[in-house]
Amino acid sequence: MSTQPLIPDAPEVDQVPLAIRAVLASFATAVAWLGFLTFTTLAVGTDSTATTATEIDPGALQVNLLLYGFTAGMVVTGLVCWLLLRTVASTWRRFALAVVGVLGGFTLGMLVTIFARGLGGKTALMAAGVLGLLAAWRLALSARRLAANPVP
């Protein structure tokens, strides 16, 4: 039972550091995913001659890769946050933080990929993906360590 008088399901340990690391890992996952996805989409779609939206072939490989890759990236990013927060008892809190991780991560990821492509093209996109992956890995390890040894 919680010692908190106002919140009956309040946790006994401080879970804010874990939540911060999980959401940041989700952000980094989104940056990595979008960096790699944009790189791959550009590599596949180099032969496209479309100059307006009406000329784009909806069945083209790069269109489907971007559409389904973007959707899969949202799921993966949310799962990263959800799984890192498995020690949080409240499903609502886990879900809310996973949503924050997805929305914030994809906003940050899109900004990073726009600037990376503008500054360095495909090479910068690959670098953004690798750096995002390394940051996500490091933050996930930190979150797992913290979940195993919570701060009272």
Protein backbone atom coordinates (compact mmCIF):
# COMPACT_ATOMS: atom_id res chain seq x y z
CA MET A 1 0.00 0.00 0.00
CA SER A 2 1.24 3.46 -0.84
CA THR A 3 2.24 5.96 1.81
CA GLN A 4 0.89 8.75 -0.39
CA PRO A 5 -2.31 10.13 1.23
CA LEU A 6 -3.81 11.64 -1.94
CA ILE A 7 -2.91 9.13 -4.65
CA PRO A 8 -3.88 5.54 -3.82
CA ASP A 9 -1.80 3.92 -6.59
CA ALA A 10 1.31 6.10 -6.20
CA PRO A 11 4.56 4.16 -6.54
CA GLU A 12 6.77 3.51 -3.53
CA VAL A 13 9.95 4.40 -5.44
CA ASP A 14 10.89 7.41 -7.55
CA GLN A 15 10.15 6.41 -11.14
CA VAL A 16 10.80 9.79 -12.75
CA PRO A 17 14.44 9.01 -13.69
CA LEU A 18 13.30 5.75 -15.29
CA ALA A 19 10.51 7.53 -17.18
CA ILE A 20 12.91 10.19 -18.46
CA ARG A 21 15.39 7.60 -19.71
CA ALA A 22 12.65 5.51 -21.34
CA VAL A 23 11.16 8.50 -23.16
CA LEU A 24 14.61 9.71 -24.27
CA ALA A 25 15.41 6.19 -25.52
CA SER A 26 12.18 6.36 -27.47
CA PHE A 27 13.23 9.73 -28.92
CA ALA A 28 16.61 8.32 -29.96
CA THR A 29 14.93 5.25 -31.48
CA ALA A 30 12.72 7.49 -33.58
CA VAL A 31 15.72 9.52 -34.78
CA ALA A 32 17.55 6.32 -35.75
CA TRP A 33 14.50 4.82 -37.43
CA LEU A 34 13.70 7.93 -39.46
CA GLY A 35 17.35 8.46 -40.40
CA PHE A 36 17.63 4.91 -41.76
CA LEU A 37 14.17 5.03 -43.34
CA THR A 38 14.86 8.30 -45.16
CA PHE A 39 18.25 7.03 -46.30
CA THR A 40 16.70 3.82 -47.66
CA THR A 41 13.79 5.63 -49.30
CA LEU A 42 16.16 8.01 -51.07
CA ALA A 43 18.41 5.15 -52.16
CA VAL A 44 15.48 3.17 -53.61
CA GLY A 45 13.71 6.12 -55.24
CA THR A 46 16.61 7.62 -57.18
CA ASP A 47 15.04 6.81 -60.57
CA SER A 48 11.79 8.67 -59.85
CA THR A 49 11.04 11.53 -62.25
CA ALA A 50 7.98 12.85 -60.40
CA THR A 51 8.03 16.61 -59.85
CA THR A 52 4.49 17.12 -58.50
CA ALA A 53 2.33 15.14 -56.10
CA THR A 54 -0.01 14.01 -58.89
CA GLU A 55 2.88 12.36 -60.76
CA ILE A 56 3.85 10.11 -57.85
CA ASP A 57 3.04 6.45 -58.43
CA PRO A 58 1.22 5.21 -55.29
CA GLY A 59 2.44 1.68 -55.98
CA ALA A 60 6.12 2.66 -56.17
CA LEU A 61 8.51 0.89 -53.84
CA GLN A 62 9.76 4.09 -52.19
CA VAL A 63 6.19 5.26 -51.48
CA ASN A 64 5.23 1.98 -49.83
CA LEU A 65 8.54 1.80 -47.98
CA LEU A 66 7.99 5.27 -46.57
CA LEU A 67 4.32 4.66 -45.72
CA TYR A 68 4.73 1.29 -44.03
CA GLY A 69 8.14 2.12 -42.60
CA PHE A 70 6.78 5.25 -40.95
CA THR A 71 3.91 3.29 -39.40
CA ALA A 72 6.19 0.47 -38.24
CA GLY A 73 8.57 3.06 -36.78
CA MET A 74 5.81 4.48 -34.62
CA VAL A 75 5.01 1.02 -33.30
CA VAL A 76 8.68 0.19 -32.62
CA THR A 77 9.29 3.54 -30.92
CA GLY A 78 6.26 3.09 -28.68
CA LEU A 79 7.27 -0.47 -27.84
CA VAL A 80 10.75 0.66 -26.79
CA CYS A 81 9.28 3.04 -24.23
CA TRP A 82 6.59 0.57 -23.14
CA LEU A 83 9.04 -2.26 -22.56
CA LEU A 84 11.56 -0.09 -20.72
CA LEU A 85 8.76 0.97 -18.35
CA ARG A 86 7.68 -2.59 -17.54
CA THR A 87 8.38 -2.05 -13.83
CA VAL A 88 5.80 0.76 -13.71
CA ALA A 89 2.63 -0.84 -12.37
CA SER A 90 0.17 1.63 -13.90
CA THR A 91 -0.79 0.72 -17.48
CA TRP A 92 -2.12 4.24 -17.96
CA ARG A 93 1.23 5.82 -17.03
CA ARG A 94 3.14 3.44 -19.30
CA PHE A 95 0.79 4.15 -22.18
CA ALA A 96 0.88 7.92 -21.71
CA LEU A 97 4.68 7.95 -21.58
CA ALA A 98 4.89 5.71 -24.66
CA VAL A 99 2.63 8.13 -26.56
CA VAL A 100 4.85 11.03 -25.47
CA GLY A 101 7.87 9.04 -26.67
CA VAL A 102 6.30 8.39 -30.08
CA LEU A 103 5.00 11.89 -30.72
CA GLY A 104 8.04 13.69 -29.37
CA GLY A 105 10.44 11.23 -30.94
CA PHE A 106 8.92 11.48 -34.39
CA THR A 107 8.81 15.27 -34.21
CA LEU A 108 12.48 15.35 -33.23
CA GLY A 109 13.33 12.65 -35.76
CA MET A 110 11.71 14.51 -38.63
CA LEU A 111 13.55 17.70 -37.71
CA VAL A 112 16.86 15.86 -37.50
CA THR A 113 16.37 14.13 -40.86
CA ILE A 114 15.34 17.38 -42.57
CA PHE A 115 18.47 19.15 -41.33
CA ALA A 116 20.73 16.15 -41.90
CA ARG A 117 19.62 15.72 -45.50
CA GLY A 118 19.96 19.44 -46.15
CA LEU A 119 23.43 19.62 -44.61
CA GLY A 120 25.04 16.39 -45.74
CA GLY A 121 22.68 14.32 -47.86
CA LYS A 122 22.58 10.55 -47.52
CA THR A 123 25.82 10.40 -45.53
CA ALA A 124 24.42 12.69 -42.84
CA LEU A 125 21.18 10.66 -42.76
CA MET A 126 23.17 7.49 -42.15
CA ALA A 127 25.21 9.26 -39.47
CA ALA A 128 22.01 10.48 -37.77
CA GLY A 129 20.66 6.93 -37.83
CA VAL A 130 23.83 5.47 -36.31
CA LEU A 131 24.07 8.17 -33.63
CA GLY A 132 20.37 7.73 -32.78
CA LEU A 133 20.85 3.98 -32.53
CA LEU A 134 23.86 4.34 -30.23
CA ALA A 135 22.02 6.86 -28.04
CA ALA A 136 18.94 4.62 -27.86
CA TRP A 137 21.07 1.62 -26.90
CA ARG A 138 22.88 3.56 -24.18
CA LEU A 139 19.68 5.05 -22.76
CA ALA A 140 17.94 1.67 -22.82
CA LEU A 141 20.79 0.07 -20.89
CA SER A 142 20.67 2.90 -18.37
CA ALA A 143 16.89 2.53 -18.00
CA ARG A 144 17.18 -1.23 -17.51
CA ARG A 145 19.85 -0.73 -14.85
CA LEU A 146 17.66 1.81 -13.10
CA ALA A 147 14.62 -0.46 -13.28
CA ALA A 148 16.62 -3.28 -11.71
CA ASN A 149 17.94 -1.03 -8.90
CA PRO A 150 15.25 1.63 -8.28
CA VAL A 151 15.96 4.79 -6.32
CA PRO A 152 13.80 4.82 -3.15
